[in-house]
N, C-alpha and C. Protein backbone atom coordinates (compact mmCIF):
# COMPACT_ATOMS: atom_id res chain seq x y z
N MET A 1 32.59 357.44 196.78
CA MET A 1 33.58 357.85 197.78
C MET A 1 34.97 357.60 197.23
N ALA A 2 35.82 358.62 197.27
CA ALA A 2 37.15 358.50 196.69
C ALA A 2 38.01 357.54 197.51
N LYS A 3 38.78 356.72 196.82
CA LYS A 3 39.68 355.80 197.50
C LYS A 3 40.90 356.55 198.01
N LYS A 4 41.43 356.08 199.15
CA LYS A 4 42.66 356.67 199.68
C LYS A 4 43.82 356.28 198.79
N ALA A 5 44.72 357.22 198.58
CA ALA A 5 45.90 356.92 197.79
C ALA A 5 46.77 355.93 198.56
N PRO A 6 47.34 354.94 197.87
CA PRO A 6 48.19 353.97 198.56
C PRO A 6 49.43 354.66 199.12
N ARG A 7 49.89 354.18 200.27
CA ARG A 7 51.09 354.76 200.86
C ARG A 7 52.30 354.44 199.99
N ARG A 8 53.21 355.36 199.94
CA ARG A 8 54.44 355.13 199.19
C ARG A 8 55.22 353.97 199.80
N THR A 9 56.01 353.31 198.98
CA THR A 9 56.75 352.13 199.43
C THR A 9 57.64 352.45 200.62
N ALA A 10 58.32 353.58 200.60
CA ALA A 10 59.22 353.95 201.70
C ALA A 10 58.46 354.08 203.02
N GLU A 11 57.27 354.65 202.96
CA GLU A 11 56.46 354.79 204.18
C GLU A 11 56.02 353.43 204.68
N ARG A 12 55.63 352.54 203.77
CA ARG A 12 55.22 351.19 204.17
C ARG A 12 56.39 350.44 204.79
N ILE A 13 57.56 350.61 204.21
CA ILE A 13 58.75 349.94 204.76
C ILE A 13 59.02 350.43 206.18
N LEU A 14 58.95 351.71 206.40
CA LEU A 14 59.21 352.25 207.73
C LEU A 14 58.18 351.77 208.75
N ALA A 15 56.91 351.77 208.35
CA ALA A 15 55.86 351.34 209.26
C ALA A 15 56.03 349.88 209.63
N SER A 16 56.33 349.03 208.66
CA SER A 16 56.52 347.61 208.93
C SER A 16 57.78 347.37 209.75
N THR A 17 58.85 348.11 209.44
CA THR A 17 60.10 347.97 210.19
C THR A 17 59.90 348.33 211.65
N LEU A 18 59.20 349.43 211.89
CA LEU A 18 58.94 349.85 213.27
C LEU A 18 58.17 348.78 214.02
N GLU A 19 57.16 348.22 213.38
CA GLU A 19 56.36 347.17 214.02
C GLU A 19 57.22 345.95 214.36
N LEU A 20 58.07 345.53 213.42
CA LEU A 20 58.91 344.35 213.66
C LEU A 20 60.00 344.62 214.69
N PHE A 21 60.63 345.79 214.60
CA PHE A 21 61.63 346.16 215.61
C PHE A 21 61.02 346.18 217.00
N ASN A 22 59.84 346.77 217.11
CA ASN A 22 59.18 346.87 218.42
C ASN A 22 58.81 345.51 218.98
N ARG A 23 58.36 344.65 218.13
CA ARG A 23 57.86 343.35 218.62
C ARG A 23 58.98 342.36 218.91
N PHE A 24 59.97 342.31 218.00
CA PHE A 24 61.00 341.28 218.13
C PHE A 24 62.37 341.81 218.56
N GLY A 25 62.53 343.12 218.57
CA GLY A 25 63.81 343.72 218.87
C GLY A 25 64.60 343.95 217.60
N GLU A 26 65.31 345.07 217.53
CA GLU A 26 66.06 345.41 216.32
C GLU A 26 67.08 344.35 215.94
N PRO A 27 67.82 343.76 216.89
CA PRO A 27 68.80 342.74 216.49
C PRO A 27 68.17 341.50 215.86
N ASN A 28 66.91 341.23 216.18
CA ASN A 28 66.26 340.00 215.71
C ASN A 28 65.41 340.19 214.46
N ALA A 29 65.29 341.41 214.00
CA ALA A 29 64.47 341.69 212.80
C ALA A 29 65.41 342.02 211.64
N SER A 30 65.60 341.08 210.77
CA SER A 30 66.52 341.27 209.64
C SER A 30 65.82 341.97 208.49
N THR A 31 66.63 342.46 207.55
CA THR A 31 66.05 343.07 206.35
C THR A 31 65.30 342.03 205.52
N THR A 32 65.73 340.77 205.59
CA THR A 32 65.01 339.69 204.91
C THR A 32 63.62 339.52 205.50
N MET A 33 63.53 339.59 206.83
CA MET A 33 62.23 339.48 207.50
C MET A 33 61.34 340.66 207.11
N ILE A 34 61.92 341.85 207.03
CA ILE A 34 61.14 343.05 206.69
C ILE A 34 60.60 342.95 205.28
N SER A 35 61.44 342.57 204.33
CA SER A 35 60.98 342.47 202.93
C SER A 35 59.94 341.37 202.78
N ALA A 36 60.10 340.26 203.52
CA ALA A 36 59.11 339.19 203.45
C ALA A 36 57.77 339.65 204.04
N GLU A 37 57.82 340.41 205.12
CA GLU A 37 56.60 340.92 205.74
C GLU A 37 55.83 341.81 204.77
N LEU A 38 56.55 342.56 203.96
CA LEU A 38 55.94 343.49 203.01
C LEU A 38 55.66 342.84 201.65
N ASN A 39 56.17 341.62 201.47
CA ASN A 39 56.04 340.93 200.19
C ASN A 39 56.68 341.73 199.06
N ILE A 40 57.88 342.25 199.36
CA ILE A 40 58.67 342.93 198.34
C ILE A 40 60.04 342.26 198.27
N SER A 41 60.77 342.51 197.22
CA SER A 41 62.09 341.91 197.08
C SER A 41 63.09 342.64 197.96
N PRO A 42 64.15 341.95 198.42
CA PRO A 42 65.20 342.64 199.16
C PRO A 42 65.81 343.79 198.37
N GLY A 43 65.87 343.64 197.05
CA GLY A 43 66.40 344.71 196.22
C GLY A 43 65.55 345.97 196.29
N ASN A 44 64.22 345.78 196.33
CA ASN A 44 63.32 346.93 196.46
C ASN A 44 63.53 347.62 197.80
N LEU A 45 63.71 346.83 198.85
CA LEU A 45 63.98 347.41 200.17
C LEU A 45 65.28 348.20 200.16
N TYR A 46 66.33 347.62 199.61
CA TYR A 46 67.63 348.30 199.59
C TYR A 46 67.64 349.51 198.68
N TYR A 47 66.76 349.54 197.71
CA TYR A 47 66.65 350.73 196.86
C TYR A 47 66.23 351.94 197.69
N HIS A 48 65.32 351.72 198.62
CA HIS A 48 64.83 352.82 199.45
C HIS A 48 65.71 353.05 200.68
N PHE A 49 66.23 351.96 201.25
CA PHE A 49 67.05 352.06 202.45
C PHE A 49 68.25 351.12 202.26
N PRO A 50 69.40 351.66 201.87
CA PRO A 50 70.55 350.84 201.48
C PRO A 50 71.12 349.95 202.58
N SER A 51 70.76 350.21 203.84
CA SER A 51 71.25 349.39 204.93
C SER A 51 70.24 349.38 206.07
N LYS A 52 70.44 348.45 206.98
CA LYS A 52 69.57 348.40 208.15
C LYS A 52 69.76 349.64 209.02
N ASP A 53 70.98 350.14 209.09
CA ASP A 53 71.22 351.36 209.85
C ASP A 53 70.43 352.54 209.31
N GLU A 54 70.22 352.57 208.00
CA GLU A 54 69.41 353.64 207.41
C GLU A 54 67.98 353.58 207.94
N LEU A 55 67.46 352.38 208.10
CA LEU A 55 66.12 352.22 208.67
C LEU A 55 66.10 352.69 210.12
N VAL A 56 67.09 352.25 210.90
CA VAL A 56 67.17 352.66 212.30
C VAL A 56 67.27 354.17 212.42
N ASN A 57 68.15 354.77 211.63
CA ASN A 57 68.37 356.21 211.72
C ASN A 57 67.15 357.02 211.31
N THR A 58 66.44 356.56 210.29
CA THR A 58 65.24 357.28 209.85
C THR A 58 64.16 357.22 210.92
N LEU A 59 63.97 356.05 211.51
CA LEU A 59 62.99 355.93 212.60
C LEU A 59 63.42 356.74 213.81
N PHE A 60 64.71 356.75 214.10
CA PHE A 60 65.21 357.55 215.22
C PHE A 60 64.98 359.04 214.97
N ASP A 61 65.21 359.49 213.75
CA ASP A 61 64.98 360.90 213.42
C ASP A 61 63.52 361.28 213.62
N GLN A 62 62.62 360.38 213.24
CA GLN A 62 61.19 360.64 213.46
C GLN A 62 60.90 360.78 214.95
N TYR A 63 61.43 359.84 215.72
CA TYR A 63 61.22 359.88 217.18
C TYR A 63 61.81 361.15 217.78
N GLU A 64 63.02 361.48 217.40
CA GLU A 64 63.70 362.65 217.97
C GLU A 64 62.91 363.92 217.70
N SER A 65 62.40 364.06 216.47
CA SER A 65 61.63 365.25 216.12
C SER A 65 60.35 365.35 216.95
N GLN A 66 59.63 364.24 217.08
CA GLN A 66 58.39 364.24 217.87
C GLN A 66 58.68 364.47 219.35
N LEU A 67 59.77 363.90 219.84
CA LEU A 67 60.12 364.06 221.25
C LEU A 67 60.44 365.51 221.58
N TYR A 68 61.24 366.15 220.75
CA TYR A 68 61.61 367.53 221.05
C TYR A 68 60.40 368.46 220.99
N GLU A 69 59.49 368.16 220.10
CA GLU A 69 58.25 368.94 220.04
C GLU A 69 57.45 368.77 221.33
N LEU A 70 57.40 367.54 221.83
CA LEU A 70 56.67 367.27 223.07
C LEU A 70 57.38 367.90 224.26
N LEU A 71 58.70 367.78 224.34
CA LEU A 71 59.43 368.35 225.48
C LEU A 71 59.28 369.86 225.55
N ALA A 72 59.17 370.50 224.40
CA ALA A 72 58.98 371.95 224.38
C ALA A 72 57.69 372.35 225.08
N ALA A 73 56.73 371.43 225.13
CA ALA A 73 55.44 371.70 225.77
C ALA A 73 55.52 371.67 227.29
N SER A 74 56.69 371.34 227.85
CA SER A 74 56.82 371.34 229.30
C SER A 74 56.57 372.72 229.88
N THR A 75 56.78 373.77 229.08
CA THR A 75 56.53 375.13 229.56
C THR A 75 55.03 375.41 229.69
N ASP A 76 54.20 374.55 229.11
CA ASP A 76 52.75 374.72 229.21
C ASP A 76 52.16 374.00 230.41
N VAL A 77 52.98 373.24 231.13
CA VAL A 77 52.50 372.52 232.32
C VAL A 77 52.30 373.53 233.45
N LEU A 78 51.05 373.61 233.93
CA LEU A 78 50.73 374.60 234.96
C LEU A 78 50.30 373.97 236.28
N ASP A 79 49.86 372.71 236.24
CA ASP A 79 49.38 372.08 237.47
C ASP A 79 49.61 370.58 237.39
N VAL A 80 49.14 369.87 238.42
CA VAL A 80 49.38 368.44 238.52
C VAL A 80 48.73 367.67 237.36
N GLU A 81 47.53 368.05 236.98
CA GLU A 81 46.87 367.35 235.87
C GLU A 81 47.64 367.53 234.58
N ASP A 82 48.15 368.73 234.34
CA ASP A 82 49.00 368.96 233.16
C ASP A 82 50.24 368.07 233.21
N ALA A 83 50.82 367.95 234.41
CA ALA A 83 52.03 367.14 234.57
C ALA A 83 51.74 365.68 234.27
N TRP A 84 50.60 365.19 234.77
CA TRP A 84 50.21 363.81 234.50
C TRP A 84 50.07 363.58 233.00
N PHE A 85 49.37 364.47 232.32
CA PHE A 85 49.16 364.32 230.88
C PHE A 85 50.50 364.38 230.14
N PHE A 86 51.37 365.30 230.54
CA PHE A 86 52.67 365.44 229.91
C PHE A 86 53.48 364.15 230.04
N LEU A 87 53.54 363.60 231.24
CA LEU A 87 54.32 362.39 231.47
C LEU A 87 53.71 361.19 230.75
N HIS A 88 52.39 361.11 230.76
CA HIS A 88 51.75 360.01 230.04
C HIS A 88 52.02 360.12 228.54
N SER A 89 52.03 361.33 228.02
CA SER A 89 52.34 361.53 226.60
C SER A 89 53.77 361.10 226.29
N LEU A 90 54.69 361.38 227.22
CA LEU A 90 56.07 360.94 227.04
C LEU A 90 56.14 359.42 226.95
N PHE A 91 55.45 358.75 227.86
CA PHE A 91 55.46 357.28 227.84
C PHE A 91 54.82 356.75 226.56
N GLU A 92 53.77 357.39 226.08
CA GLU A 92 53.14 356.93 224.84
C GLU A 92 54.11 357.02 223.66
N LEU A 93 54.87 358.12 223.61
CA LEU A 93 55.83 358.27 222.51
C LEU A 93 56.96 357.25 222.63
N ILE A 94 57.44 357.03 223.85
CA ILE A 94 58.47 356.03 224.06
C ILE A 94 57.96 354.64 223.66
N TRP A 95 56.70 354.35 224.01
CA TRP A 95 56.13 353.06 223.62
C TRP A 95 56.04 352.94 222.10
N GLN A 96 55.69 354.00 221.43
CA GLN A 96 55.56 353.98 219.97
C GLN A 96 56.89 353.60 219.31
N TYR A 97 58.01 354.02 219.92
CA TYR A 97 59.35 353.70 219.39
C TYR A 97 60.12 352.87 220.42
N ARG A 98 59.45 351.89 220.99
CA ARG A 98 60.01 351.19 222.14
C ARG A 98 61.26 350.38 221.84
N PHE A 99 61.50 350.02 220.59
CA PHE A 99 62.71 349.27 220.27
C PHE A 99 63.96 350.06 220.63
N LEU A 100 63.88 351.40 220.55
CA LEU A 100 65.03 352.24 220.89
C LEU A 100 65.42 352.08 222.35
N TYR A 101 64.43 351.80 223.19
CA TYR A 101 64.68 351.67 224.63
C TYR A 101 64.93 350.22 225.03
N ARG A 102 64.22 349.32 224.40
CA ARG A 102 64.45 347.89 224.67
C ARG A 102 65.87 347.50 224.31
N ASP A 103 66.39 348.01 223.20
CA ASP A 103 67.70 347.61 222.68
C ASP A 103 68.73 348.73 222.78
N VAL A 104 68.55 349.64 223.74
CA VAL A 104 69.37 350.86 223.76
C VAL A 104 70.86 350.54 223.87
N GLY A 105 71.25 349.58 224.73
CA GLY A 105 72.67 349.26 224.88
C GLY A 105 73.27 348.75 223.59
N HIS A 106 72.56 347.83 222.94
CA HIS A 106 73.03 347.28 221.67
C HIS A 106 73.14 348.36 220.61
N LEU A 107 72.10 349.20 220.50
CA LEU A 107 72.08 350.22 219.46
C LEU A 107 73.19 351.26 219.66
N LEU A 108 73.41 351.67 220.91
CA LEU A 108 74.44 352.67 221.17
C LEU A 108 75.83 352.12 220.87
N SER A 109 76.02 350.82 221.03
CA SER A 109 77.34 350.23 220.82
C SER A 109 77.71 350.11 219.35
N ARG A 110 76.69 350.19 218.46
CA ARG A 110 77.00 349.95 217.05
C ARG A 110 76.47 351.01 216.10
N ASN A 111 75.77 352.01 216.62
CA ASN A 111 75.21 353.04 215.74
C ASN A 111 75.71 354.41 216.19
N ARG A 112 76.54 355.01 215.36
CA ARG A 112 77.19 356.27 215.73
C ARG A 112 76.18 357.40 215.90
N ARG A 113 75.15 357.42 215.08
CA ARG A 113 74.16 358.49 215.19
C ARG A 113 73.45 358.45 216.54
N LEU A 114 73.03 357.27 216.96
CA LEU A 114 72.37 357.16 218.25
C LEU A 114 73.35 357.43 219.39
N GLU A 115 74.58 356.98 219.23
CA GLU A 115 75.59 357.21 220.27
C GLU A 115 75.79 358.70 220.52
N THR A 116 75.74 359.50 219.46
CA THR A 116 75.98 360.94 219.62
C THR A 116 74.72 361.72 219.96
N HIS A 117 73.55 361.21 219.59
CA HIS A 117 72.31 361.96 219.80
C HIS A 117 71.57 361.58 221.08
N PHE A 118 71.71 360.33 221.52
CA PHE A 118 70.90 359.89 222.66
C PHE A 118 71.25 360.62 223.96
N PRO A 119 72.52 360.92 224.24
CA PRO A 119 72.82 361.69 225.45
C PRO A 119 72.11 363.04 225.47
N ALA A 120 72.03 363.70 224.32
CA ALA A 120 71.34 365.00 224.26
C ALA A 120 69.85 364.83 224.55
N ILE A 121 69.28 363.72 224.12
CA ILE A 121 67.87 363.45 224.41
C ILE A 121 67.65 363.34 225.91
N LEU A 122 68.54 362.62 226.60
CA LEU A 122 68.40 362.48 228.05
C LEU A 122 68.53 363.83 228.75
N LEU A 123 69.46 364.66 228.29
CA LEU A 123 69.63 365.98 228.89
C LEU A 123 68.41 366.88 228.65
N ARG A 124 67.83 366.77 227.46
CA ARG A 124 66.62 367.56 227.18
C ARG A 124 65.45 367.08 228.02
N LYS A 125 65.34 365.77 228.22
CA LYS A 125 64.30 365.25 229.10
C LYS A 125 64.48 365.78 230.51
N ARG A 126 65.72 365.75 230.98
CA ARG A 126 65.99 366.21 232.35
C ARG A 126 65.66 367.68 232.50
N ALA A 127 66.02 368.49 231.51
CA ALA A 127 65.72 369.92 231.57
C ALA A 127 64.21 370.16 231.58
N ALA A 128 63.48 369.40 230.76
CA ALA A 128 62.02 369.56 230.72
C ALA A 128 61.38 369.18 232.04
N LEU A 129 61.87 368.10 232.65
CA LEU A 129 61.31 367.66 233.93
C LEU A 129 61.71 368.60 235.06
N ARG A 130 62.89 369.17 234.96
CA ARG A 130 63.26 370.18 235.96
C ARG A 130 62.36 371.41 235.82
N GLN A 131 62.03 371.78 234.60
CA GLN A 131 61.10 372.88 234.36
C GLN A 131 59.74 372.57 234.99
N LEU A 132 59.30 371.33 234.83
CA LEU A 132 58.03 370.89 235.41
C LEU A 132 58.07 371.01 236.93
N LEU A 133 59.15 370.56 237.55
CA LEU A 133 59.29 370.65 239.00
C LEU A 133 59.27 372.10 239.47
N ASP A 134 60.00 372.95 238.76
CA ASP A 134 60.05 374.37 239.14
C ASP A 134 58.66 374.99 239.08
N THR A 135 57.90 374.64 238.05
CA THR A 135 56.56 375.20 237.90
C THR A 135 55.65 374.75 239.04
N LEU A 136 55.70 373.46 239.36
CA LEU A 136 54.81 372.93 240.39
C LEU A 136 55.21 373.38 241.79
N GLN A 137 56.46 373.81 241.95
CA GLN A 137 56.93 374.28 243.24
C GLN A 137 57.16 375.78 243.26
N ALA A 138 56.51 376.47 242.36
CA ALA A 138 56.77 377.90 242.17
C ALA A 138 56.35 378.76 243.37
N LYS A 139 55.51 378.21 244.24
CA LYS A 139 55.02 379.01 245.36
C LYS A 139 56.10 379.28 246.40
N ARG A 140 57.19 378.51 246.35
CA ARG A 140 58.26 378.77 247.30
C ARG A 140 59.60 378.71 246.59
N ALA A 141 60.48 379.62 246.96
CA ALA A 141 61.80 379.67 246.35
C ALA A 141 62.63 378.49 246.83
N ALA A 142 63.50 378.01 245.98
CA ALA A 142 64.32 376.86 246.31
C ALA A 142 65.63 377.31 246.94
N SER A 143 66.00 376.67 248.05
CA SER A 143 67.32 376.89 248.63
C SER A 143 68.34 376.14 247.78
N ALA A 144 69.61 376.31 248.09
CA ALA A 144 70.65 375.61 247.32
C ALA A 144 70.47 374.11 247.43
N ALA A 145 70.14 373.63 248.65
CA ALA A 145 69.94 372.19 248.84
C ALA A 145 68.73 371.71 248.06
N GLU A 146 67.63 372.49 248.08
CA GLU A 146 66.42 372.11 247.36
C GLU A 146 66.67 372.14 245.85
N ASP A 147 67.50 373.07 245.41
CA ASP A 147 67.83 373.17 244.00
C ASP A 147 68.53 371.89 243.53
N ARG A 148 69.49 371.43 244.33
CA ARG A 148 70.18 370.17 244.00
C ARG A 148 69.22 368.99 244.05
N GLN A 149 68.30 369.05 245.00
CA GLN A 149 67.33 367.97 245.13
C GLN A 149 66.42 367.89 243.91
N ARG A 150 66.01 369.06 243.41
CA ARG A 150 65.17 369.07 242.21
C ARG A 150 65.92 368.48 241.02
N ASP A 151 67.21 368.79 240.91
CA ASP A 151 68.01 368.20 239.84
C ASP A 151 68.04 366.68 239.98
N ALA A 152 68.19 366.20 241.22
CA ALA A 152 68.26 364.75 241.45
C ALA A 152 66.93 364.08 241.12
N VAL A 153 65.83 364.73 241.49
CA VAL A 153 64.50 364.16 241.19
C VAL A 153 64.29 364.11 239.67
N ALA A 154 64.64 365.19 238.97
CA ALA A 154 64.49 365.21 237.52
C ALA A 154 65.33 364.11 236.87
N ALA A 155 66.55 363.91 237.36
CA ALA A 155 67.41 362.85 236.82
C ALA A 155 66.80 361.47 237.09
N SER A 156 66.26 361.27 238.29
CA SER A 156 65.64 359.98 238.61
C SER A 156 64.43 359.72 237.73
N MET A 157 63.67 360.75 237.43
CA MET A 157 62.52 360.60 236.55
C MET A 157 62.96 360.21 235.14
N VAL A 158 64.08 360.79 234.69
CA VAL A 158 64.61 360.43 233.37
C VAL A 158 65.05 358.98 233.34
N VAL A 159 65.69 358.52 234.40
CA VAL A 159 66.13 357.12 234.47
C VAL A 159 64.92 356.19 234.35
N LEU A 160 63.84 356.51 235.08
CA LEU A 160 62.64 355.68 234.99
C LEU A 160 62.04 355.71 233.59
N LEU A 161 61.96 356.90 233.01
CA LEU A 161 61.42 357.02 231.66
C LEU A 161 62.25 356.20 230.66
N THR A 162 63.56 356.22 230.84
CA THR A 162 64.46 355.58 229.88
C THR A 162 64.49 354.07 230.02
N TYR A 163 64.43 353.58 231.25
CA TYR A 163 64.63 352.15 231.47
C TYR A 163 63.39 351.40 231.93
N TRP A 164 62.25 352.08 231.98
CA TRP A 164 61.05 351.40 232.44
C TRP A 164 60.68 350.21 231.55
N LEU A 165 60.73 350.40 230.25
CA LEU A 165 60.35 349.31 229.36
C LEU A 165 61.33 348.15 229.43
N SER A 166 62.61 348.44 229.70
CA SER A 166 63.58 347.36 229.90
C SER A 166 63.21 346.56 231.14
N TYR A 167 62.78 347.25 232.17
CA TYR A 167 62.33 346.59 233.40
C TYR A 167 61.12 345.70 233.12
N GLU A 168 60.16 346.25 232.38
CA GLU A 168 58.98 345.47 232.01
C GLU A 168 59.39 344.23 231.19
N TYR A 169 60.33 344.42 230.29
CA TYR A 169 60.75 343.31 229.42
C TYR A 169 61.43 342.21 230.23
N VAL A 170 62.27 342.58 231.20
CA VAL A 170 62.94 341.58 232.02
C VAL A 170 61.92 340.77 232.82
N LEU A 171 60.89 341.46 233.33
CA LEU A 171 59.87 340.77 234.11
C LEU A 171 59.02 339.83 233.26
N GLN A 172 58.71 340.28 232.02
CA GLN A 172 57.82 339.50 231.16
C GLN A 172 58.38 339.47 229.73
N PRO A 173 59.48 338.76 229.51
CA PRO A 173 60.15 338.82 228.20
C PRO A 173 59.31 338.30 227.04
N ARG A 174 58.34 337.46 227.30
CA ARG A 174 57.53 336.89 226.21
C ARG A 174 56.31 337.74 225.85
N SER A 175 55.98 338.70 226.71
CA SER A 175 54.73 339.43 226.44
C SER A 175 54.83 340.94 226.63
N ALA A 176 55.86 341.44 227.29
CA ALA A 176 55.90 342.85 227.69
C ALA A 176 55.82 343.80 226.49
N MET A 177 56.40 343.43 225.36
CA MET A 177 56.46 344.34 224.21
C MET A 177 55.30 344.17 223.24
N GLU A 178 54.35 343.31 223.58
CA GLU A 178 53.21 343.10 222.69
C GLU A 178 52.25 344.29 222.77
N PRO A 179 51.64 344.67 221.63
CA PRO A 179 50.77 345.86 221.60
C PRO A 179 49.64 345.83 222.62
N GLU A 180 49.08 344.65 222.89
CA GLU A 180 47.94 344.59 223.81
C GLU A 180 48.34 344.92 225.25
N ASN A 181 49.63 344.97 225.54
CA ASN A 181 50.08 345.29 226.90
C ASN A 181 50.47 346.75 227.06
N ALA A 182 50.28 347.54 226.01
CA ALA A 182 50.73 348.93 226.03
C ALA A 182 50.12 349.74 227.16
N GLN A 183 48.81 349.68 227.30
CA GLN A 183 48.14 350.54 228.27
C GLN A 183 48.62 350.27 229.69
N ASP A 184 48.70 349.00 230.07
CA ASP A 184 49.15 348.67 231.41
C ASP A 184 50.59 349.11 231.65
N ALA A 185 51.44 348.89 230.65
CA ALA A 185 52.85 349.28 230.78
C ALA A 185 52.98 350.79 230.94
N LEU A 186 52.21 351.55 230.15
CA LEU A 186 52.25 353.00 230.22
C LEU A 186 51.75 353.50 231.58
N LEU A 187 50.67 352.93 232.05
CA LEU A 187 50.12 353.36 233.33
C LEU A 187 51.06 353.05 234.49
N ARG A 188 51.67 351.87 234.45
CA ARG A 188 52.62 351.53 235.51
C ARG A 188 53.80 352.49 235.51
N GLY A 189 54.32 352.78 234.33
CA GLY A 189 55.45 353.70 234.24
C GLY A 189 55.11 355.09 234.73
N ALA A 190 53.99 355.62 234.26
CA ALA A 190 53.56 356.96 234.68
C ALA A 190 53.29 357.00 236.18
N TYR A 191 52.71 355.92 236.69
CA TYR A 191 52.42 355.82 238.13
C TYR A 191 53.69 355.97 238.96
N HIS A 192 54.74 355.28 238.57
CA HIS A 192 55.97 355.32 239.36
C HIS A 192 56.72 356.65 239.18
N VAL A 193 56.68 357.22 237.99
CA VAL A 193 57.33 358.52 237.80
C VAL A 193 56.62 359.60 238.61
N MET A 194 55.30 359.58 238.58
CA MET A 194 54.55 360.55 239.37
C MET A 194 54.78 360.33 240.86
N GLY A 195 55.02 359.07 241.26
CA GLY A 195 55.33 358.79 242.65
C GLY A 195 56.61 359.47 243.10
N LEU A 196 57.58 359.62 242.20
CA LEU A 196 58.80 360.36 242.52
C LEU A 196 58.53 361.84 242.75
N LEU A 197 57.53 362.33 242.04
CA LEU A 197 57.20 363.75 242.12
C LEU A 197 56.43 364.10 243.40
N ALA A 198 55.60 363.19 243.88
CA ALA A 198 54.66 363.47 244.97
C ALA A 198 55.28 364.09 246.22
N PRO A 199 56.40 363.58 246.74
CA PRO A 199 56.93 364.14 247.99
C PRO A 199 57.40 365.58 247.89
N HIS A 200 57.51 366.10 246.69
CA HIS A 200 58.07 367.43 246.49
C HIS A 200 57.01 368.49 246.17
N LEU A 201 55.74 368.12 246.37
CA LEU A 201 54.64 369.04 246.11
C LEU A 201 54.09 369.60 247.42
N ASP A 202 53.39 370.72 247.32
CA ASP A 202 52.70 371.21 248.51
C ASP A 202 51.52 370.30 248.82
N GLU A 203 50.90 370.51 249.98
CA GLU A 203 49.89 369.59 250.46
C GLU A 203 48.71 369.44 249.50
N ALA A 204 48.22 370.56 248.98
CA ALA A 204 47.06 370.52 248.08
C ALA A 204 47.39 369.79 246.78
N SER A 205 48.55 370.12 246.22
CA SER A 205 48.95 369.48 244.96
C SER A 205 49.21 367.99 245.17
N ARG A 206 49.79 367.65 246.32
CA ARG A 206 50.05 366.24 246.61
C ARG A 206 48.75 365.45 246.75
N ALA A 207 47.76 366.07 247.38
CA ALA A 207 46.46 365.40 247.52
C ALA A 207 45.82 365.19 246.15
N HIS A 208 45.94 366.19 245.28
CA HIS A 208 45.40 366.08 243.92
C HIS A 208 46.11 364.97 243.16
N LEU A 209 47.43 364.93 243.28
CA LEU A 209 48.21 363.89 242.62
C LEU A 209 47.85 362.51 243.14
N THR A 210 47.67 362.39 244.45
CA THR A 210 47.30 361.11 245.05
C THR A 210 45.98 360.61 244.46
N ALA A 211 45.03 361.52 244.28
CA ALA A 211 43.75 361.13 243.69
C ALA A 211 43.93 360.64 242.26
N LEU A 212 44.80 361.30 241.49
CA LEU A 212 45.07 360.86 240.13
C LEU A 212 45.74 359.49 240.11
N ILE A 213 46.71 359.30 240.99
CA ILE A 213 47.42 358.03 241.05
C ILE A 213 46.48 356.90 241.42
N GLU A 214 45.59 357.15 242.38
CA GLU A 214 44.64 356.11 242.79
C GLU A 214 43.69 355.75 241.65
N ALA A 215 43.32 356.75 240.86
CA ALA A 215 42.42 356.49 239.74
C ALA A 215 43.08 355.68 238.64
N TYR A 216 44.40 355.86 238.48
CA TYR A 216 45.10 355.21 237.37
C TYR A 216 46.04 354.11 237.84
N ASP A 217 46.03 353.79 239.12
CA ASP A 217 46.95 352.81 239.67
C ASP A 217 46.73 351.44 239.03
N PRO A 218 47.65 350.99 238.20
CA PRO A 218 47.51 349.66 237.57
C PRO A 218 48.14 348.59 238.44
N ALA A 219 47.80 347.35 238.16
CA ALA A 219 48.42 346.25 238.88
C ALA A 219 49.90 346.16 238.50
N THR A 220 50.76 345.98 239.50
CA THR A 220 52.19 345.86 239.24
C THR A 220 52.53 344.42 238.92
N PRO A 221 53.26 344.18 237.80
CA PRO A 221 53.57 342.80 237.42
C PRO A 221 54.55 342.17 238.40
């Protein structure tokens, strides 16, 4: 059986950096810690990534690319089950790059790339969620008031998506970001976001959503 080719050093550095950023927070994970985790010299690390910001930006670019691909799939959401899967997938991706959300205030204050790109991410999320709302409410035309309400619901869903992990971290700062807590954190987040959606569905769709929520309802910390 052929052996797998070893991962390139740059890929190993990124994978280890993401793990350390996610677990300890970007401000607390130094390049010295990263090189020690990989058992490589700091010089080897700097050869591939000349600064810590280069590591942050490369990981952010990966996240941004995957996120936009996922948001484009909002046009494929046709019913409540599709919506549940779409939102859960969003939470999974956010969890995969959770340091960006845990440390968002710090990162935006000192990283120009994130400062300029993150607002566009929020707007794209809002547009995708508004698309989802329009699809699920397609059986009836929206009045001007309902149109504004849908915008407000989409914005509220984005706020939850963006700050849910910060909320989890404040409640459980010693354990919330640990990998073994991922599933519960994702389910709680998806549960509350879908709860925002429920009042705006027709009776049949709301009943279907209620059944999904009951099946996935996790314990709230």
